[in-house]
Amino acid sequence: MALLEILEFPDPRLRNRAVPVTVFDAALLRLVDDMFETMYAAPGIGLAASQVNVHQRLLIMDVTEDHSEPLVFCNPEILAREEVGVMEEGCLSVPGIYDEVERAQRIRVRAQDRHGVVFERDLEGIRAVCLQHEMDHLEGKLFVDYLSSLKRDRIRRKLEKERRDRAPAGRAPAGAAQSR
């Protein structure tokens, strides 16, 4: 297994729409394992393939503290949404930033597992919110898109400054050329 690079806002690759997963092979299994290792190390509770620059409709999540409920969703589709609520969200692609986002608190999802087997599952609370958040990534959307343009611009400038500050001397941070 390997740790993957997580793209950070405002990297334009985060805006790419993912294509359906069509091949369920050893490479996909390896990607899923690498994504779990990356997510747990970050640490996070969800990760979309788009965040690691693989633009396929694949996401993983595990909201448990002991990593006991790893879930894989290939080609997820929300069938039903109920009970809208507001929850504070954060994102591995927008490190250190948290804000409230309105989402359905209960959903029914249809997807395929890592082997291509179709399943349906009901999710609620943090699981429902996490799945919707990660599905947004597959559409090229970030949670900061739900915020005002003023907040989003402030966040972008803050993260760009942090990247510049931690970049080795004489070397531009990744994504710096595209950040305008």
C-alpha atoms as a PDB file:
ATOM      1  CA  MET A   1       0.000   0.000   0.000  1.00  0.00           C
ATOM      2  CA  ALA A   2       1.019   3.585  -0.535  1.00  0.00           C
ATOM      3  CA  LEU A   3       0.091   7.043   0.639  1.00  0.00           C
ATOM      4  CA  LEU A   4      -1.372   9.124  -2.163  1.00  0.00           C
ATOM      5  CA  GLU A   5      -1.080  12.891  -2.620  1.00  0.00           C
ATOM      6  CA  ILE A   6      -4.304  14.679  -1.699  1.00  0.00           C
ATOM      7  CA  LEU A   7      -5.041  17.611  -4.008  1.00  0.00           C
ATOM      8  CA  GLU A   8      -5.755  20.863  -2.185  1.00  0.00           C
ATOM      9  CA  PHE A   9      -8.092  23.746  -3.029  1.00  0.00           C
ATOM     10  CA  PRO A  10      -7.811  25.688  -5.327  1.00  0.00           C
ATOM     11  CA  ASP A  11      -6.102  23.020  -7.486  1.00  0.00           C
ATOM     12  CA  PRO A  12      -8.111  22.998 -10.741  1.00  0.00           C
ATOM     13  CA  ARG A  13      -7.951  19.194 -10.964  1.00  0.00           C
ATOM     14  CA  LEU A  14     -10.456  19.107  -8.090  1.00  0.00           C
ATOM     15  CA  ARG A  15     -12.996  20.573 -10.542  1.00  0.00           C
ATOM     16  CA  ASN A  16     -12.860  17.602 -12.950  1.00  0.00           C
ATOM     17  CA  ARG A  17     -15.990  15.455 -13.160  1.00  0.00           C
ATOM     18  CA  ALA A  18     -15.350  11.783 -12.527  1.00  0.00           C
ATOM     19  CA  VAL A  19     -16.255   9.054 -15.008  1.00  0.00           C
ATOM     20  CA  PRO A  20     -17.938   5.777 -14.034  1.00  0.00           C
ATOM     21  CA  VAL A  21     -15.846   2.881 -12.787  1.00  0.00           C
ATOM     22  CA  THR A  22     -16.105   0.191 -15.474  1.00  0.00           C
ATOM     23  CA  VAL A  23     -13.224  -2.139 -14.648  1.00  0.00           C
ATOM     24  CA  PHE A  24     -13.203  -3.935 -11.292  1.00  0.00           C
ATOM     25  CA  ASP A  25      -9.720  -5.427 -11.227  1.00  0.00           C
ATOM     26  CA  ALA A  26      -6.585  -5.700  -9.105  1.00  0.00           C
ATOM     27  CA  ALA A  27      -5.653  -2.085  -9.921  1.00  0.00           C
ATOM     28  CA  LEU A  28      -8.963  -0.868  -8.502  1.00  0.00           C
ATOM     29  CA  LEU A  29      -8.513  -2.992  -5.373  1.00  0.00           C
ATOM     30  CA  ARG A  30      -5.015  -1.523  -4.914  1.00  0.00           C
ATOM     31  CA  LEU A  31      -6.393   2.016  -5.398  1.00  0.00           C
ATOM     32  CA  VAL A  32      -9.093   1.394  -2.765  1.00  0.00           C
ATOM     33  CA  ASP A  33      -6.484   0.091  -0.295  1.00  0.00           C
ATOM     34  CA  ASP A  34      -4.190   3.061  -0.996  1.00  0.00           C
ATOM     35  CA  MET A  35      -7.104   5.462  -0.535  1.00  0.00           C
ATOM     36  CA  PHE A  36      -7.952   3.947   2.866  1.00  0.00           C
ATOM     37  CA  GLU A  37      -4.324   4.176   3.969  1.00  0.00           C
ATOM     38  CA  THR A  38      -4.197   7.813   2.794  1.00  0.00           C
ATOM     39  CA  MET A  39      -7.518   8.738   4.439  1.00  0.00           C
ATOM     40  CA  TYR A  40      -6.625   7.147   7.777  1.00  0.00           C
ATOM     41  CA  ALA A  41      -3.181   8.780   7.788  1.00  0.00           C
ATOM     42  CA  ALA A  42      -4.550  12.250   6.979  1.00  0.00           C
ATOM     43  CA  PRO A  43      -6.691  11.679   9.215  1.00  0.00           C
ATOM     44  CA  GLY A  44     -10.133  11.839   7.649  1.00  0.00           C
ATOM     45  CA  ILE A  45     -13.475  10.052   7.476  1.00  0.00           C
ATOM     46  CA  GLY A  46     -14.044  10.130   3.715  1.00  0.00           C
ATOM     47  CA  LEU A  47     -12.074  10.411   0.491  1.00  0.00           C
ATOM     48  CA  ALA A  48     -13.129  10.602  -3.150  1.00  0.00           C
ATOM     49  CA  ALA A  49     -10.852   9.307  -5.891  1.00  0.00           C
ATOM     50  CA  SER A  50     -10.954  12.806  -7.438  1.00  0.00           C
ATOM     51  CA  GLN A  51      -9.083  14.103  -4.404  1.00  0.00           C
ATOM     52  CA  VAL A  52      -6.125  11.855  -5.246  1.00  0.00           C
ATOM     53  CA  ASN A  53      -6.254  12.837  -8.935  1.00  0.00           C
ATOM     54  CA  VAL A  54      -8.048   9.679 -10.098  1.00  0.00           C
ATOM     55  CA  HIS A  55     -11.199  10.884 -11.798  1.00  0.00           C
ATOM     56  CA  GLN A  56     -13.381   7.817 -11.429  1.00  0.00           C
ATOM     57  CA  ARG A  57     -16.685   7.626  -9.553  1.00  0.00           C
ATOM     58  CA  LEU A  58     -15.216   5.996  -6.465  1.00  0.00           C
ATOM     59  CA  LEU A  59     -15.319   7.086  -2.851  1.00  0.00           C
ATOM     60  CA  ILE A  60     -14.510   5.546   0.485  1.00  0.00           C
ATOM     61  CA  MET A  61     -15.506   6.394   4.031  1.00  0.00           C
ATOM     62  CA  ASP A  62     -15.179   5.213   7.592  1.00  0.00           C
ATOM     63  CA  VAL A  63     -16.664   7.453  10.277  1.00  0.00           C
ATOM     64  CA  THR A  64     -15.642   5.188  13.173  1.00  0.00           C
ATOM     65  CA  GLU A  65     -12.784   6.123  15.489  1.00  0.00           C
ATOM     66  CA  ASP A  66     -11.355   2.599  15.418  1.00  0.00           C
ATOM     67  CA  HIS A  67     -11.543   2.241  11.598  1.00  0.00           C
ATOM     68  CA  SER A  68     -13.956  -0.669  11.955  1.00  0.00           C
ATOM     69  CA  GLU A  69     -16.466   0.263   9.224  1.00  0.00           C
ATOM     70  CA  PRO A  70     -14.610   0.851   5.937  1.00  0.00           C
ATOM     71  CA  LEU A  71     -17.169   1.460   3.175  1.00  0.00           C
ATOM     72  CA  VAL A  72     -16.530   1.549  -0.582  1.00  0.00           C
ATOM     73  CA  PHE A  73     -18.925   3.128  -3.072  1.00  0.00           C
ATOM     74  CA  CYS A  74     -18.286   2.815  -6.819  1.00  0.00           C
ATOM     75  CA  ASN A  75     -20.672   4.715  -9.103  1.00  0.00           C
ATOM     76  CA  PRO A  76     -22.840   5.918  -6.193  1.00  0.00           C
ATOM     77  CA  GLU A  77     -26.306   7.293  -6.882  1.00  0.00           C
ATOM     78  CA  ILE A  78     -28.600   8.837  -4.275  1.00  0.00           C
ATOM     79  CA  LEU A  79     -32.092   7.373  -4.600  1.00  0.00           C
ATOM     80  CA  ALA A  80     -33.825   9.291  -1.798  1.00  0.00           C
ATOM     81  CA  ARG A  81     -33.120  12.211   0.549  1.00  0.00           C
ATOM     82  CA  GLU A  82     -34.944  13.164   3.747  1.00  0.00           C
ATOM     83  CA  GLU A  83     -34.765  15.673   6.567  1.00  0.00           C
ATOM     84  CA  VAL A  84     -32.479  18.557   5.694  1.00  0.00           C
ATOM     85  CA  GLY A  85     -30.148  19.759   8.426  1.00  0.00           C
ATOM     86  CA  VAL A  86     -26.969  21.725   8.962  1.00  0.00           C
ATOM     87  CA  MET A  87     -23.701  20.144  10.033  1.00  0.00           C
ATOM     88  CA  GLU A  88     -20.161  21.483  10.270  1.00  0.00           C
ATOM     89  CA  GLU A  89     -17.934  20.011   7.574  1.00  0.00           C
ATOM     90  CA  GLY A  90     -14.240  19.947   6.876  1.00  0.00           C
ATOM     91  CA  CYS A  91     -12.296  18.479   3.970  1.00  0.00           C
ATOM     92  CA  LEU A  92      -8.894  16.901   3.408  1.00  0.00           C
ATOM     93  CA  SER A  93      -8.627  19.041   0.245  1.00  0.00           C
ATOM     94  CA  VAL A  94      -9.348  22.210   2.251  1.00  0.00           C
ATOM     95  CA  PRO A  95      -7.161  21.549   5.309  1.00  0.00           C
ATOM     96  CA  GLY A  96      -7.943  23.287   8.573  1.00  0.00           C
ATOM     97  CA  ILE A  97     -11.159  24.902   7.327  1.00  0.00           C
ATOM     98  CA  TYR A  98     -14.573  24.042   8.779  1.00  0.00           C
ATOM     99  CA  ASP A  99     -17.982  25.540   8.128  1.00  0.00           C
ATOM    100  CA  GLU A 100     -21.644  24.666   8.238  1.00  0.00           C
ATOM    101  CA  VAL A 101     -23.316  23.105   5.182  1.00  0.00           C
ATOM    102  CA  GLU A 102     -26.964  22.159   4.691  1.00  0.00           C
ATOM    103  CA  ARG A 103     -27.520  18.564   3.527  1.00  0.00           C
ATOM    104  CA  ALA A 104     -30.021  15.721   3.761  1.00  0.00           C
ATOM    105  CA  GLN A 105     -29.676  13.892   7.070  1.00  0.00           C
ATOM    106  CA  ARG A 106     -31.011  10.583   5.728  1.00  0.00           C
ATOM    107  CA  ILE A 107     -30.372   9.118   2.293  1.00  0.00           C
ATOM    108  CA  ARG A 108     -30.735   5.887   0.364  1.00  0.00           C
ATOM    109  CA  VAL A 109     -27.818   5.150  -1.968  1.00  0.00           C
ATOM    110  CA  ARG A 110     -27.235   2.591  -4.698  1.00  0.00           C
ATOM    111  CA  ALA A 111     -23.645   1.786  -5.621  1.00  0.00           C
ATOM    112  CA  GLN A 112     -21.249  -0.999  -6.449  1.00  0.00           C
ATOM    113  CA  ASP A 113     -18.699  -2.426  -4.061  1.00  0.00           C
ATOM    114  CA  ARG A 114     -15.000  -2.858  -4.898  1.00  0.00           C
ATOM    115  CA  HIS A 115     -15.847  -6.066  -6.828  1.00  0.00           C
ATOM    116  CA  GLY A 116     -18.661  -4.514  -8.871  1.00  0.00           C
ATOM    117  CA  VAL A 117     -21.552  -6.010  -6.886  1.00  0.00           C
ATOM    118  CA  VAL A 118     -24.540  -3.637  -6.775  1.00  0.00           C
ATOM    119  CA  PHE A 119     -26.001  -2.821  -3.354  1.00  0.00           C
ATOM    120  CA  GLU A 120     -28.360  -0.328  -1.735  1.00  0.00           C
ATOM    121  CA  ARG A 121     -27.874   1.138   1.711  1.00  0.00           C
ATOM    122  CA  ASP A 122     -29.621   3.598   3.996  1.00  0.00           C
ATOM    123  CA  LEU A 123     -27.354   6.139   5.685  1.00  0.00           C
ATOM    124  CA  GLU A 124     -28.136   8.799   8.247  1.00  0.00           C
ATOM    125  CA  GLY A 125     -26.411  11.494  10.240  1.00  0.00           C
ATOM    126  CA  ILE A 126     -22.661  11.783   9.714  1.00  0.00           C
ATOM    127  CA  ARG A 127     -22.631   8.845   7.258  1.00  0.00           C
ATOM    128  CA  ALA A 128     -25.260  10.504   5.052  1.00  0.00           C
ATOM    129  CA  VAL A 129     -23.479  13.856   5.186  1.00  0.00           C
ATOM    130  CA  CYS A 130     -20.079  12.286   4.460  1.00  0.00           C
ATOM    131  CA  LEU A 131     -21.386  10.399   1.430  1.00  0.00           C
ATOM    132  CA  GLN A 132     -22.991  13.554  -0.020  1.00  0.00           C
ATOM    133  CA  HIS A 133     -19.783  15.517   0.615  1.00  0.00           C
ATOM    134  CA  GLU A 134     -17.650  12.901  -1.173  1.00  0.00           C
ATOM    135  CA  MET A 135     -20.163  12.599  -4.038  1.00  0.00           C
ATOM    136  CA  ASP A 136     -19.803  16.355  -4.572  1.00  0.00           C
ATOM    137  CA  HIS A 137     -16.091  15.750  -5.218  1.00  0.00           C
ATOM    138  CA  LEU A 138     -17.030  13.347  -8.020  1.00  0.00           C
ATOM    139  CA  GLU A 139     -18.913  16.238  -9.646  1.00  0.00           C
ATOM    140  CA  GLY A 140     -16.002  18.660  -9.231  1.00  0.00           C
ATOM    141  CA  LYS A 141     -17.669  20.462  -6.335  1.00  0.00           C
ATOM    142  CA  LEU A 142     -16.171  21.316  -2.938  1.00  0.00           C
ATOM    143  CA  PHE A 143     -17.891  22.141   0.332  1.00  0.00           C
ATOM    144  CA  VAL A 144     -16.523  25.697   0.073  1.00  0.00           C
ATOM    145  CA  ASP A 145     -18.785  26.130  -2.971  1.00  0.00           C
ATOM    146  CA  TYR A 146     -21.711  26.245  -0.508  1.00  0.00           C
ATOM    147  CA  LEU A 147     -20.131  29.252   1.218  1.00  0.00           C
ATOM    148  CA  SER A 148     -20.249  32.888   0.128  1.00  0.00           C
ATOM    149  CA  SER A 149     -17.765  33.967  -2.537  1.00  0.00           C
ATOM    150  CA  LEU A 150     -16.170  36.285   0.042  1.00  0.00           C
ATOM    151  CA  LYS A 151     -15.517  33.363   2.443  1.00  0.00           C
ATOM    152  CA  ARG A 152     -14.327  31.138  -0.409  1.00  0.00           C
ATOM    153  CA  ASP A 153     -11.835  33.795  -1.626  1.00  0.00           C
ATOM    154  CA  ARG A 154     -10.560  34.303   1.929  1.00  0.00           C
ATOM    155  CA  ILE A 155     -10.047  30.535   2.315  1.00  0.00           C
ATOM    156  CA  ARG A 156      -8.265  30.298  -1.056  1.00  0.00           C
ATOM    157  CA  ARG A 157      -5.867  33.119  -0.150  1.00  0.00           C
ATOM    158  CA  LYS A 158      -5.187  31.618   3.307  1.00  0.00           C
ATOM    159  CA  LEU A 159      -4.388  28.160   1.893  1.00  0.00           C
ATOM    160  CA  GLU A 160      -2.212  29.587  -0.898  1.00  0.00           C
ATOM    161  CA  LYS A 161      -0.229  31.585   1.678  1.00  0.00           C
ATOM    162  CA  GLU A 162       0.218  28.488   3.879  1.00  0.00           C
ATOM    163  CA  ARG A 163       1.473  26.498   0.861  1.00  0.00           C
ATOM    164  CA  ARG A 164       3.931  29.254  -0.064  1.00  0.00           C
ATOM    165  CA  ASP A 165       5.166  29.436   3.541  1.00  0.00           C
ATOM    166  CA  ARG A 166       5.865  25.698   3.746  1.00  0.00           C
ATOM    167  CA  ALA A 167       7.342  25.295   0.228  1.00  0.00           C
ATOM    168  CA  PRO A 168      11.114  24.714   0.140  1.00  0.00           C
ATOM    169  CA  ALA A 169      13.106  27.840  -0.732  1.00  0.00           C
ATOM    170  CA  GLY A 170      13.337  28.409  -4.478  1.00  0.00           C
ATOM    171  CA  ARG A 171      10.560  25.933  -5.275  1.00  0.00           C
ATOM    172  CA  ALA A 172       6.954  26.850  -6.072  1.00  0.00           C
ATOM    173  CA  PRO A 173       4.273  24.830  -4.271  1.00  0.00           C
ATOM    174  CA  ALA A 174       2.306  22.257  -6.277  1.00  0.00           C
ATOM    175  CA  GLY A 175      -0.593  23.838  -8.132  1.00  0.00           C
ATOM    176  CA  ALA A 176       0.863  27.337  -7.708  1.00  0.00           C
ATOM    177  CA  ALA A 177       0.866  28.070 -11.425  1.00  0.00           C
ATOM    178  CA  GLN A 178      -2.854  27.288 -11.697  1.00  0.00           C
ATOM    179  CA  SER A 179      -3.993  29.070  -8.538  1.00  0.00           C
ATOM    180  CA  ARG A 180      -5.260  32.271 -10.128  1.00  0.00           C
END
